[in-house]
Protein backbone atom coordinates (compact mmCIF):
# COMPACT_ATOMS: atom_id res chain seq x y z
CA UNK A 1 96.05 110.72 122.05
CA UNK A 2 93.03 109.70 120.03
CA UNK A 3 91.55 107.90 123.01
CA UNK A 4 91.95 111.03 125.12
CA UNK A 5 90.19 113.15 122.51
CA UNK A 6 87.32 110.67 122.31
CA UNK A 7 87.12 110.58 126.12
CA UNK A 8 86.98 114.36 126.40
CA UNK A 9 84.29 114.55 123.73
CA UNK A 10 82.28 111.81 125.45
CA UNK A 11 82.40 113.62 128.81
CA UNK A 12 80.84 116.74 127.32
CA UNK A 13 78.20 114.98 125.25
CA UNK A 14 78.26 111.43 124.04
CA UNK A 15 76.87 112.64 120.73
CA UNK A 16 79.75 115.14 120.40
CA UNK A 17 82.09 112.35 119.34
CA UNK A 18 82.15 111.67 115.60
CA UNK A 19 81.77 107.90 115.75
CA UNK A 20 82.37 107.37 112.03
CA UNK A 21 85.85 108.85 112.33
CA UNK A 22 86.42 106.87 115.52
CA UNK A 23 85.51 103.61 113.79
CA UNK A 24 87.92 104.38 110.96
CA UNK A 25 90.73 105.05 113.42
CA UNK A 26 90.04 101.84 115.34
CA UNK A 27 89.99 99.81 112.13
CA UNK A 28 93.30 101.33 111.11
CA UNK A 29 94.81 100.44 114.49
CA UNK A 30 93.57 96.86 114.29
CA UNK A 31 94.88 96.39 110.75
CA UNK A 32 98.24 98.13 111.22
CA UNK A 33 99.92 95.53 113.47
CA UNK A 34 99.07 92.42 111.40
CA UNK A 35 99.81 94.32 108.19
CA UNK A 36 103.21 95.37 109.50
CA UNK A 37 103.94 91.81 110.59
CA UNK A 38 103.02 90.38 107.20
CA UNK A 39 105.09 93.01 105.40
CA UNK A 40 108.09 92.30 107.62
CA UNK A 41 107.70 88.55 107.10
CA UNK A 42 107.55 89.04 103.33
CA UNK A 43 110.66 91.19 103.32
CA UNK A 44 112.50 88.72 105.55
CA UNK A 45 111.50 85.79 103.34
CA UNK A 46 112.56 87.63 100.18
CA UNK A 47 115.86 88.70 101.72
CA UNK A 48 116.58 85.18 102.95
CA UNK A 49 116.08 83.82 99.43
CA UNK A 50 118.33 86.44 97.88
CA UNK A 51 121.19 86.42 100.36
CA UNK A 52 121.52 82.76 101.33
């Protein structure tokens, strides 16, 4: 959805897109997957110590 909004804004005027907000969204997307993986690994490790 965000990509579509950026695309629509860029078709009107390239300067119409707020690139600061776009960069924040992209950084959040890039950090979300590794962060989720690390959190899941930590929970799995903790649970395996407690329940084995």
